[in-house]
Amino acid sequence: MVRILTAAEFEKQITRLAEILIDAVDSGAGVSFMKPLARDVAEDFWRGQISGIAAQKTFPIVAELDGTIAGLVLLMRAWAPNQPHRCDVAKLLVHRDFRRRGVATALMQALEDKAKALKQSLITFDAVANSPASRFYQKLGFICVGTYPNFAYSGDGKLDDTALFYKEI
């Protein structure tokens, strides 16, 4: 089941969301954090999203399998007044126990559906260049417009290039 959490529901799931974020970092995902990711840091990150969720600027979309949150993605509306038509994808994460089961694809489809419902016409984000994630997004019809060299450190401490993506909907 894929659904959008309210701020109250999201807050109740902080522990599980932290587990998923820690698992992503441990598995080498390029998601802004370095190894080892402490539980309190992961929980604080998720707590920091609550005000945006309550204000309906951020929409946490989760996939649940067997009663457990298997993954999530954040749809974040652009903050700039001159970009009311645009949203960003943030933190597409699927716990390793649930990968290769279509969870990420279902989450991204739900994100696109929500973006359309919000009358967003452009989805943007970045991802580690030349990575499995980058190839995944391209299969979903997102277009890579270029890369920044040596943009961010990977969880293992090496510099990775970052690819910029968009999709008009």
C-alpha atoms as a PDB file:
ATOM      1  CA  MET A   1       0.000   0.000   0.000  1.00  0.00           C
ATOM      2  CA  VAL A   2       1.290   3.452  -0.923  1.00  0.00           C
ATOM      3  CA  ARG A   3      -0.027   6.506   0.901  1.00  0.00           C
ATOM      4  CA  ILE A   4       0.794  10.009   2.085  1.00  0.00           C
ATOM      5  CA  LEU A   5       1.344  10.446   5.807  1.00  0.00           C
ATOM      6  CA  THR A   6      -0.053  13.333   7.810  1.00  0.00           C
ATOM      7  CA  ALA A   7       2.346  15.222  10.063  1.00  0.00           C
ATOM      8  CA  ALA A   8       1.020  13.327  13.098  1.00  0.00           C
ATOM      9  CA  GLU A   9       1.402   9.943  11.361  1.00  0.00           C
ATOM     10  CA  PHE A  10       4.863  10.902  10.154  1.00  0.00           C
ATOM     11  CA  GLU A  11       5.982  11.855  13.660  1.00  0.00           C
ATOM     12  CA  LYS A  12       4.872   8.458  14.978  1.00  0.00           C
ATOM     13  CA  GLN A  13       7.056   6.759  12.344  1.00  0.00           C
ATOM     14  CA  ILE A  14      10.319   8.635  13.093  1.00  0.00           C
ATOM     15  CA  THR A  15      11.987   5.508  14.519  1.00  0.00           C
ATOM     16  CA  ARG A  16      11.197   3.427  11.413  1.00  0.00           C
ATOM     17  CA  LEU A  17      12.148   6.240   9.061  1.00  0.00           C
ATOM     18  CA  ALA A  18      15.485   6.581  10.853  1.00  0.00           C
ATOM     19  CA  GLU A  19      16.066   2.829  10.379  1.00  0.00           C
ATOM     20  CA  ILE A  20      15.419   3.187   6.652  1.00  0.00           C
ATOM     21  CA  LEU A  21      17.740   6.187   6.326  1.00  0.00           C
ATOM     22  CA  ILE A  22      20.521   4.450   8.275  1.00  0.00           C
ATOM     23  CA  ASP A  23      20.085   1.337   6.111  1.00  0.00           C
ATOM     24  CA  ALA A  24      20.341   3.462   2.947  1.00  0.00           C
ATOM     25  CA  VAL A  25      23.559   5.115   4.124  1.00  0.00           C
ATOM     26  CA  ASP A  26      25.007   1.761   5.227  1.00  0.00           C
ATOM     27  CA  SER A  27      24.250   0.314   1.780  1.00  0.00           C
ATOM     28  CA  GLY A  28      26.083   3.147   0.019  1.00  0.00           C
ATOM     29  CA  ALA A  29      23.180   5.313  -1.176  1.00  0.00           C
ATOM     30  CA  GLY A  30      24.077   8.920  -1.980  1.00  0.00           C
ATOM     31  CA  VAL A  31      21.520  10.584   0.297  1.00  0.00           C
ATOM     32  CA  SER A  32      23.447  13.480   1.885  1.00  0.00           C
ATOM     33  CA  PHE A  33      24.746  11.618   4.941  1.00  0.00           C
ATOM     34  CA  MET A  34      28.060   9.949   5.757  1.00  0.00           C
ATOM     35  CA  LYS A  35      28.837   6.602   7.396  1.00  0.00           C
ATOM     36  CA  PRO A  36      28.300   5.868  10.172  1.00  0.00           C
ATOM     37  CA  LEU A  37      24.964   7.638  10.541  1.00  0.00           C
ATOM     38  CA  ALA A  38      23.968   7.902  14.190  1.00  0.00           C
ATOM     39  CA  ARG A  39      20.347   7.163  15.053  1.00  0.00           C
ATOM     40  CA  ASP A  40      19.850  10.533  16.766  1.00  0.00           C
ATOM     41  CA  VAL A  41      21.099  12.370  13.662  1.00  0.00           C
ATOM     42  CA  ALA A  42      18.729  10.375  11.440  1.00  0.00           C
ATOM     43  CA  GLU A  43      15.799  10.973  13.785  1.00  0.00           C
ATOM     44  CA  ASP A  44      16.587  14.698  13.990  1.00  0.00           C
ATOM     45  CA  PHE A  45      16.620  14.908  10.194  1.00  0.00           C
ATOM     46  CA  TRP A  46      13.129  13.423  10.001  1.00  0.00           C
ATOM     47  CA  ARG A  47      11.839  15.597  12.844  1.00  0.00           C
ATOM     48  CA  GLY A  48      13.047  18.582  10.852  1.00  0.00           C
ATOM     49  CA  GLN A  49      10.567  17.697   8.094  1.00  0.00           C
ATOM     50  CA  ILE A  50       7.461  17.867  10.293  1.00  0.00           C
ATOM     51  CA  SER A  51       6.814  21.610   9.962  1.00  0.00           C
ATOM     52  CA  GLY A  52       6.944  21.390   6.147  1.00  0.00           C
ATOM     53  CA  ILE A  53       4.568  18.432   6.228  1.00  0.00           C
ATOM     54  CA  ALA A  54       2.154  20.280   8.516  1.00  0.00           C
ATOM     55  CA  ALA A  55       2.284  23.297   6.170  1.00  0.00           C
ATOM     56  CA  GLN A  56       1.647  21.021   3.164  1.00  0.00           C
ATOM     57  CA  LYS A  57       4.879  22.043   1.513  1.00  0.00           C
ATOM     58  CA  THR A  58       6.342  18.550   1.951  1.00  0.00           C
ATOM     59  CA  PHE A  59       4.425  15.341   1.304  1.00  0.00           C
ATOM     60  CA  PRO A  60       5.882  12.098   2.702  1.00  0.00           C
ATOM     61  CA  ILE A  61       4.806   9.179   0.558  1.00  0.00           C
ATOM     62  CA  VAL A  62       5.359   5.749   2.090  1.00  0.00           C
ATOM     63  CA  ALA A  63       5.046   2.208   0.812  1.00  0.00           C
ATOM     64  CA  GLU A  64       3.964  -0.390   3.332  1.00  0.00           C
ATOM     65  CA  LEU A  65       4.403  -4.116   2.894  1.00  0.00           C
ATOM     66  CA  ASP A  66       3.216  -6.618   5.465  1.00  0.00           C
ATOM     67  CA  GLY A  67       2.362  -3.753   7.841  1.00  0.00           C
ATOM     68  CA  THR A  68       5.877  -2.295   7.741  1.00  0.00           C
ATOM     69  CA  ILE A  69       7.084   0.850   6.024  1.00  0.00           C
ATOM     70  CA  ALA A  70       9.320  -0.513   3.274  1.00  0.00           C
ATOM     71  CA  GLY A  71      10.300   2.814   1.753  1.00  0.00           C
ATOM     72  CA  LEU A  72       9.460   6.442   1.299  1.00  0.00           C
ATOM     73  CA  VAL A  73       9.958   9.484  -0.865  1.00  0.00           C
ATOM     74  CA  LEU A  74       9.392  13.152  -0.140  1.00  0.00           C
ATOM     75  CA  LEU A  75       7.658  15.459  -2.594  1.00  0.00           C
ATOM     76  CA  MET A  76       8.792  18.974  -1.712  1.00  0.00           C
ATOM     77  CA  ARG A  77       7.092  21.972  -3.287  1.00  0.00           C
ATOM     78  CA  ALA A  78       9.516  24.647  -4.448  1.00  0.00           C
ATOM     79  CA  TRP A  79       9.818  27.424  -1.889  1.00  0.00           C
ATOM     80  CA  ALA A  80      10.503  30.255  -4.345  1.00  0.00           C
ATOM     81  CA  PRO A  81       7.535  32.512  -5.194  1.00  0.00           C
ATOM     82  CA  ASN A  82       8.441  32.405  -8.900  1.00  0.00           C
ATOM     83  CA  GLN A  83       8.294  28.587  -8.997  1.00  0.00           C
ATOM     84  CA  PRO A  84       4.791  27.581  -7.883  1.00  0.00           C
ATOM     85  CA  HIS A  85       4.676  25.030 -10.721  1.00  0.00           C
ATOM     86  CA  ARG A  86       7.716  23.030  -9.561  1.00  0.00           C
ATOM     87  CA  CYS A  87       8.453  20.372  -6.966  1.00  0.00           C
ATOM     88  CA  ASP A  88      11.491  18.351  -5.944  1.00  0.00           C
ATOM     89  CA  VAL A  89      12.016  14.688  -5.237  1.00  0.00           C
ATOM     90  CA  ALA A  90      13.888  14.093  -1.989  1.00  0.00           C
ATOM     91  CA  LYS A  91      15.070  10.984  -0.197  1.00  0.00           C
ATOM     92  CA  LEU A  92      13.717   8.123  -2.272  1.00  0.00           C
ATOM     93  CA  LEU A  93      14.665   5.316   0.116  1.00  0.00           C
ATOM     94  CA  VAL A  94      13.776   1.628   0.160  1.00  0.00           C
ATOM     95  CA  HIS A  95      15.025  -0.591   2.974  1.00  0.00           C
ATOM     96  CA  ARG A  96      17.257  -3.401   1.684  1.00  0.00           C
ATOM     97  CA  ASP A  97      14.786  -5.997   3.007  1.00  0.00           C
ATOM     98  CA  PHE A  98      12.231  -4.747   0.468  1.00  0.00           C
ATOM     99  CA  ARG A  99      14.291  -3.931  -2.615  1.00  0.00           C
ATOM    100  CA  ARG A 100      13.684  -5.485  -6.046  1.00  0.00           C
ATOM    101  CA  ARG A 101       9.929  -5.659  -5.356  1.00  0.00           C
ATOM    102  CA  GLY A 102       8.763  -2.581  -7.261  1.00  0.00           C
ATOM    103  CA  VAL A 103       8.617  -0.354  -4.182  1.00  0.00           C
ATOM    104  CA  ALA A 104      10.703   2.507  -5.616  1.00  0.00           C
ATOM    105  CA  THR A 105       8.717   2.501  -8.849  1.00  0.00           C
ATOM    106  CA  ALA A 106       5.416   2.579  -6.927  1.00  0.00           C
ATOM    107  CA  LEU A 107       6.678   5.453  -4.777  1.00  0.00           C
ATOM    108  CA  MET A 108       7.762   7.498  -7.782  1.00  0.00           C
ATOM    109  CA  GLN A 109       4.434   6.877  -9.540  1.00  0.00           C
ATOM    110  CA  ALA A 110       2.601   8.052  -6.421  1.00  0.00           C
ATOM    111  CA  LEU A 111       4.850  11.112  -6.302  1.00  0.00           C
ATOM    112  CA  GLU A 112       4.005  11.956  -9.919  1.00  0.00           C
ATOM    113  CA  ASP A 113       0.304  11.469  -9.223  1.00  0.00           C
ATOM    114  CA  LYS A 114       0.478  13.788  -6.203  1.00  0.00           C
ATOM    115  CA  ALA A 115       2.458  16.355  -8.197  1.00  0.00           C
ATOM    116  CA  LYS A 116      -0.258  16.364 -10.853  1.00  0.00           C
ATOM    117  CA  ALA A 117      -2.968  16.721  -8.193  1.00  0.00           C
ATOM    118  CA  LEU A 118      -1.057  19.729  -6.822  1.00  0.00           C
ATOM    119  CA  LYS A 119      -0.926  21.187 -10.353  1.00  0.00           C
ATOM    120  CA  GLN A 120       2.833  20.913 -10.496  1.00  0.00           C
ATOM    121  CA  SER A 121       4.174  20.697 -14.046  1.00  0.00           C
ATOM    122  CA  LEU A 122       7.883  20.168 -13.394  1.00  0.00           C
ATOM    123  CA  ILE A 123       9.652  17.685 -11.126  1.00  0.00           C
ATOM    124  CA  THR A 124      13.362  18.222 -10.398  1.00  0.00           C
ATOM    125  CA  PHE A 125      16.092  16.625  -8.289  1.00  0.00           C
ATOM    126  CA  ASP A 126      19.665  15.415  -8.298  1.00  0.00           C
ATOM    127  CA  ALA A 127      21.215  11.982  -7.883  1.00  0.00           C
ATOM    128  CA  VAL A 128      24.664  10.449  -7.936  1.00  0.00           C
ATOM    129  CA  ALA A 129      25.758  10.461 -11.581  1.00  0.00           C
ATOM    130  CA  ASN A 130      26.274   7.167 -13.415  1.00  0.00           C
ATOM    131  CA  SER A 131      24.752   5.215 -10.542  1.00  0.00           C
ATOM    132  CA  PRO A 132      22.023   2.572 -10.403  1.00  0.00           C
ATOM    133  CA  ALA A 133      19.732   5.314  -9.044  1.00  0.00           C
ATOM    134  CA  SER A 134      20.533   7.555 -11.995  1.00  0.00           C
ATOM    135  CA  ARG A 135      19.701   4.767 -14.447  1.00  0.00           C
ATOM    136  CA  PHE A 136      16.491   3.984 -12.536  1.00  0.00           C
ATOM    137  CA  TYR A 137      15.254   7.571 -12.888  1.00  0.00           C
ATOM    138  CA  GLN A 138      16.042   7.599 -16.599  1.00  0.00           C
ATOM    139  CA  LYS A 139      13.950   4.437 -17.052  1.00  0.00           C
ATOM    140  CA  LEU A 140      11.060   6.335 -15.448  1.00  0.00           C
ATOM    141  CA  GLY A 141      11.340   9.055 -18.086  1.00  0.00           C
ATOM    142  CA  PHE A 142      13.366  11.634 -16.164  1.00  0.00           C
ATOM    143  CA  ILE A 143      15.871  13.555 -18.245  1.00  0.00           C
ATOM    144  CA  CYS A 144      19.441  14.191 -17.118  1.00  0.00           C
ATOM    145  CA  VAL A 145      20.488  17.715 -18.101  1.00  0.00           C
ATOM    146  CA  GLY A 146      24.073  17.528 -16.913  1.00  0.00           C
ATOM    147  CA  THR A 147      26.354  16.894 -14.000  1.00  0.00           C
ATOM    148  CA  TYR A 148      28.292  18.736 -11.366  1.00  0.00           C
ATOM    149  CA  PRO A 149      31.765  17.213 -10.962  1.00  0.00           C
ATOM    150  CA  ASN A 150      32.903  16.260  -7.450  1.00  0.00           C
ATOM    151  CA  PHE A 151      29.683  17.635  -5.997  1.00  0.00           C
ATOM    152  CA  ALA A 152      29.315  15.624  -2.793  1.00  0.00           C
ATOM    153  CA  TYR A 153      31.088  13.047  -0.720  1.00  0.00           C
ATOM    154  CA  SER A 154      29.702   9.550  -0.794  1.00  0.00           C
ATOM    155  CA  GLY A 155      28.938   7.759   2.444  1.00  0.00           C
ATOM    156  CA  ASP A 156      32.392   6.202   2.092  1.00  0.00           C
ATOM    157  CA  GLY A 157      34.179   9.536   1.771  1.00  0.00           C
ATOM    158  CA  LYS A 158      34.974   9.721  -1.956  1.00  0.00           C
ATOM    159  CA  LEU A 159      33.762  12.572  -4.152  1.00  0.00           C
ATOM    160  CA  ASP A 160      30.925  11.736  -6.546  1.00  0.00           C
ATOM    161  CA  ASP A 161      29.588  13.632  -9.521  1.00  0.00           C
ATOM    162  CA  THR A 162      25.930  14.614  -9.244  1.00  0.00           C
ATOM    163  CA  ALA A 163      23.425  14.441 -12.105  1.00  0.00           C
ATOM    164  CA  LEU A 164      20.551  16.917 -12.437  1.00  0.00           C
ATOM    165  CA  PHE A 165      17.164  15.530 -13.490  1.00  0.00           C
ATOM    166  CA  TYR A 166      13.778  16.832 -14.512  1.00  0.00           C
ATOM    167  CA  LYS A 167      10.482  15.640 -15.876  1.00  0.00           C
ATOM    168  CA  GLU A 168       7.642  17.707 -17.250  1.00  0.00           C
ATOM    169  CA  ILE A 169       4.228  16.344 -16.355  1.00  0.00           C
END
